[in-house]
Amino acid sequence: MPDVLAFVRSDRDTDWVAGFLVKLHQREPIHVHLLSVRSPFNGHVRMFFDEPRIRAFHKEDAESELAPVRGALGAAGVPCDSHMAVGYAAEEIVRFAQNHHCDRIIVGPPKGSGVSELVLGSLTRQIEHMMRLARTTCEVL
């Protein structure tokens, strides 16, 4: 059964991601890894909160982000696991996909034409570039 990594972020279309994964599972059985990537807190935040509290913040945010997609997949009978990483999205997605030998990465539709996407490229393109540099083959959708 192929492993599929689905990047979940609340500012993206989570209904689209869930629907896409359900349709994919209907065509061929898949196992889904849902991944929420939390941005690291800077030094100013860390001055006021200890490491266990910061981990709790990240975990709470990730859980609320993953819950709708996990619920939709569960209702459709799609097997999935939830994961959280702290770091920069493209790097963490690539690292996770490599470590878990994922066959596909689902990022979802582009969120818009922001300045960062114009300068750095879309998240999908960043992931594809990093995968090529690592000489790893994985379909990115």
Protein backbone atom coordinates (compact mmCIF):
# COMPACT_ATOMS: atom_id res chain seq x y z
CA MET A 1 0.00 0.00 0.00
CA PRO A 2 1.60 3.32 -1.05
CA ASP A 3 2.38 5.92 1.60
CA VAL A 4 1.11 9.40 0.77
CA LEU A 5 2.18 12.52 2.65
CA ALA A 6 -0.47 15.25 2.86
CA PHE A 7 0.69 18.66 4.04
CA VAL A 8 -2.11 20.28 6.00
CA ARG A 9 -2.17 23.99 6.69
CA SER A 10 -5.24 25.94 7.74
CA ASP A 11 -4.65 28.70 5.19
CA ARG A 12 -4.87 26.13 2.38
CA ASP A 13 -8.05 24.43 1.17
CA THR A 14 -8.33 21.51 3.62
CA ASP A 15 -11.62 20.37 2.04
CA TRP A 16 -9.80 20.02 -1.29
CA VAL A 17 -7.00 17.97 0.34
CA ALA A 18 -9.46 15.66 2.11
CA GLY A 19 -11.57 15.20 -1.03
CA PHE A 20 -8.52 14.53 -3.18
CA LEU A 21 -7.21 11.90 -0.74
CA VAL A 22 -10.60 10.16 -0.52
CA LYS A 23 -10.82 9.97 -4.34
CA LEU A 24 -7.25 8.71 -4.53
CA HIS A 25 -8.01 6.00 -1.95
CA GLN A 26 -11.08 4.94 -3.94
CA ARG A 27 -8.86 4.35 -7.01
CA GLU A 28 -6.13 2.53 -5.07
CA PRO A 29 -5.72 1.78 -1.36
CA ILE A 30 -3.29 4.25 0.24
CA HIS A 31 -2.00 5.03 3.69
CA VAL A 32 -1.98 8.75 4.43
CA HIS A 33 0.45 10.63 6.66
CA LEU A 34 -1.04 14.00 7.59
CA LEU A 35 1.65 16.54 8.42
CA SER A 36 1.33 19.92 10.10
CA VAL A 37 4.49 22.02 10.09
CA ARG A 38 4.66 24.65 12.81
CA SER A 39 6.95 27.66 12.45
CA PRO A 40 9.57 27.89 15.19
CA PHE A 41 9.09 30.64 17.75
CA ASN A 42 11.70 33.36 17.83
CA GLY A 43 13.81 34.35 20.83
CA HIS A 44 11.33 36.96 22.05
CA VAL A 45 8.59 34.36 22.56
CA ARG A 46 11.08 31.94 24.09
CA MET A 47 11.98 34.55 26.73
CA PHE A 48 8.48 34.23 28.21
CA PHE A 49 7.68 30.53 27.78
CA ASP A 50 9.62 27.40 28.66
CA GLU A 51 10.19 24.56 26.20
CA PRO A 52 7.34 22.30 27.46
CA ARG A 53 4.84 25.15 27.07
CA ILE A 54 6.13 25.95 23.58
CA ARG A 55 5.76 22.28 22.60
CA ALA A 56 2.21 22.38 23.98
CA PHE A 57 1.41 25.47 21.85
CA HIS A 58 2.69 23.72 18.74
CA LYS A 59 0.81 20.52 19.52
CA GLU A 60 -2.48 22.35 20.17
CA ASP A 61 -2.20 24.32 16.93
CA ALA A 62 -1.29 21.21 14.92
CA GLU A 63 -4.17 19.20 16.37
CA SER A 64 -6.72 21.88 15.50
CA GLU A 65 -5.27 22.11 11.99
CA LEU A 66 -5.26 18.33 11.38
CA ALA A 67 -8.61 17.47 12.98
CA PRO A 68 -10.92 18.37 10.04
CA VAL A 69 -8.91 16.40 7.47
CA ARG A 70 -8.38 13.47 9.84
CA GLY A 71 -12.16 13.41 10.52
CA ALA A 72 -13.05 13.43 6.82
CA LEU A 73 -10.57 10.65 6.07
CA GLY A 74 -11.78 8.58 9.01
CA ALA A 75 -15.40 8.93 7.87
CA ALA A 76 -14.39 7.72 4.39
CA GLY A 77 -12.37 4.79 5.75
CA VAL A 78 -9.00 6.10 4.61
CA PRO A 79 -6.22 4.94 6.98
CA CYS A 80 -4.13 7.84 8.22
CA ASP A 81 -1.66 8.94 10.88
CA SER A 82 -1.16 12.49 12.12
CA HIS A 83 2.26 14.07 12.55
CA MET A 84 3.70 17.42 13.52
CA ALA A 85 7.06 18.97 12.75
CA VAL A 86 8.57 22.29 13.78
CA GLY A 87 10.62 24.10 11.18
CA TYR A 88 10.29 25.46 7.67
CA ALA A 89 7.59 23.84 5.55
CA ALA A 90 9.51 22.77 2.45
CA GLU A 91 12.45 21.36 4.44
CA GLU A 92 10.26 19.46 6.90
CA ILE A 93 8.01 18.06 4.17
CA VAL A 94 11.00 16.74 2.21
CA ARG A 95 12.63 15.31 5.34
CA PHE A 96 9.41 13.56 6.37
CA ALA A 97 8.77 12.16 2.88
CA GLN A 98 12.30 10.75 2.75
CA ASN A 99 12.21 9.28 6.26
CA HIS A 100 8.82 7.62 5.69
CA HIS A 101 9.48 6.56 2.07
CA CYS A 102 6.41 8.37 0.76
CA ASP A 103 5.45 7.77 -2.86
CA ARG A 104 3.54 11.05 -3.21
CA ILE A 105 3.30 14.41 -1.52
CA ILE A 106 -0.01 16.27 -1.61
CA VAL A 107 0.41 20.00 -1.06
CA GLY A 108 -2.82 21.23 -2.55
CA PRO A 109 -3.66 24.13 -4.80
CA PRO A 110 -1.45 27.24 -4.60
CA LYS A 111 -2.65 29.67 -1.96
CA GLY A 112 -2.18 32.74 -4.10
CA SER A 113 0.36 34.91 -5.81
CA GLY A 114 2.11 36.38 -2.81
CA VAL A 115 5.47 38.10 -3.02
CA SER A 116 7.25 35.14 -1.43
CA GLU A 117 5.84 32.78 -4.07
CA LEU A 118 7.02 35.12 -6.80
CA VAL A 119 10.52 35.34 -5.32
CA LEU A 120 10.99 31.86 -3.88
CA GLY A 121 8.54 29.93 -6.04
CA SER A 122 5.49 28.07 -4.84
CA LEU A 123 5.80 25.59 -2.01
CA THR A 124 5.29 22.79 -4.52
CA ARG A 125 8.21 24.04 -6.63
CA GLN A 126 10.43 24.42 -3.55
CA ILE A 127 9.70 20.82 -2.54
CA GLU A 128 10.32 19.52 -6.06
CA HIS A 129 13.64 21.39 -6.20
CA MET A 130 14.77 20.04 -2.82
CA MET A 131 13.78 16.50 -3.84
CA ARG A 132 15.84 16.80 -7.04
CA LEU A 133 18.84 18.05 -5.05
CA ALA A 134 18.49 15.08 -2.71
CA ARG A 135 18.16 12.78 -5.73
CA THR A 136 14.87 11.50 -4.37
CA THR A 137 11.95 10.69 -6.60
CA CYS A 138 8.53 11.47 -5.29
CA GLU A 139 5.47 12.83 -7.07
CA VAL A 140 4.42 16.25 -5.71
CA LEU A 141 0.83 17.33 -6.31
